[in-house]
Amino acid sequence: MKTLKDARVGETVTVARLNGAGPVKRRIMDMGITKGVQVYVRKVAPLGDPMELNLRGYELSVRKADAEMIEVV
C-alpha cells in the first residue's frame, strides 16, 4: 500500500482511497482530495513537513500525518 507520504517530488499520483474517519477524513475531502483525483507533488519542505501539492488547478499544503491517510496508485 503506497500512501501520498511515499510519493516523490515531481511525481503525479492518483488517489485510490482515503483512510481515517470523522472530521479528519471530512477535512481531507473538503480540500479536494477525493478518489480518482490526480495529485502532483510539487515540493517537500526541508524537514519533510509539509508537502506542497498541485491538484484540481490549485496548490495545497498537506502535513505528512494527513498524507499518510491517503492511499495512491
Protein backbone atom coordinates (compact mmCIF):
# COMPACT_ATOMS: atom_id res chain seq x y z
CA MET A 1 0.00 0.00 0.00
CA LYS A 2 1.54 3.27 -1.16
CA THR A 3 0.44 6.49 0.50
CA LEU A 4 0.78 10.11 -0.59
CA LYS A 5 3.54 10.43 2.01
CA ASP A 6 5.67 7.99 -0.05
CA ALA A 7 5.28 9.93 -3.32
CA ARG A 8 8.41 11.68 -4.56
CA VAL A 9 8.81 15.29 -5.71
CA GLY A 10 7.86 15.63 -9.37
CA GLU A 11 5.64 12.53 -9.29
CA THR A 12 1.97 12.54 -10.28
CA VAL A 13 -0.19 10.01 -8.43
CA THR A 14 -3.90 9.15 -8.41
CA VAL A 15 -5.86 8.92 -5.16
CA ALA A 16 -7.14 5.36 -4.69
CA ARG A 17 -8.66 5.53 -1.21
CA LEU A 18 -8.98 7.72 1.87
CA ASN A 19 -8.36 6.17 5.27
CA GLY A 20 -9.29 7.73 8.59
CA ALA A 21 -12.68 8.64 9.94
CA GLY A 22 -14.83 11.51 11.08
CA PRO A 23 -13.68 15.12 10.96
CA VAL A 24 -10.17 14.30 9.68
CA LYS A 25 -11.46 12.44 6.62
CA ARG A 26 -14.06 15.16 6.03
CA ARG A 27 -11.34 17.86 6.12
CA ILE A 28 -9.23 15.97 3.57
CA MET A 29 -12.24 15.61 1.28
CA ASP A 30 -13.11 19.30 1.72
CA MET A 31 -9.61 20.17 0.47
CA GLY A 32 -10.49 18.45 -2.81
CA ILE A 33 -8.62 15.20 -2.22
CA THR A 34 -11.12 12.55 -3.28
CA LYS A 35 -10.92 9.17 -5.00
CA GLY A 36 -9.70 9.37 -8.60
CA VAL A 37 -8.09 12.83 -8.34
CA GLN A 38 -4.60 13.24 -9.80
CA VAL A 39 -2.11 14.86 -7.43
CA TYR A 40 1.25 16.32 -8.46
CA VAL A 41 3.87 16.51 -5.69
CA ARG A 42 5.45 19.94 -6.26
CA LYS A 43 7.87 20.07 -3.35
CA VAL A 44 8.52 18.93 0.19
CA ALA A 45 9.79 21.19 2.97
CA PRO A 46 13.45 20.68 4.02
CA LEU A 47 12.46 18.79 7.17
CA GLY A 48 9.82 16.80 5.27
CA ASP A 49 6.72 18.53 6.58
CA PRO A 50 4.54 19.86 4.94
CA MET A 51 4.25 18.70 1.32
CA GLU A 52 3.16 21.11 -1.39
CA LEU A 53 0.74 19.59 -3.90
CA ASN A 54 -0.99 20.66 -7.10
CA LEU A 55 -4.48 19.28 -7.72
CA ARG A 56 -7.67 20.43 -9.41
CA GLY A 57 -5.86 23.55 -10.64
CA TYR A 58 -4.68 24.87 -7.27
CA GLU A 59 -1.84 24.46 -4.77
CA LEU A 60 -2.30 22.81 -1.41
CA SER A 61 0.00 22.15 1.54
CA VAL A 62 -0.60 18.94 3.47
CA ARG A 63 1.02 17.63 6.64
CA LYS A 64 2.75 14.24 6.46
CA ALA A 65 0.33 12.86 9.08
CA ASP A 66 -2.59 13.66 6.76
CA ALA A 67 -0.72 12.44 3.65
CA GLU A 68 -0.28 9.06 5.36
CA MET A 69 -4.06 8.54 5.31
CA ILE A 70 -4.28 8.93 1.52
CA GLU A 71 -3.65 5.75 -0.50
CA VAL A 72 -2.39 6.37 -4.04
CA VAL A 73 -1.52 4.45 -7.20
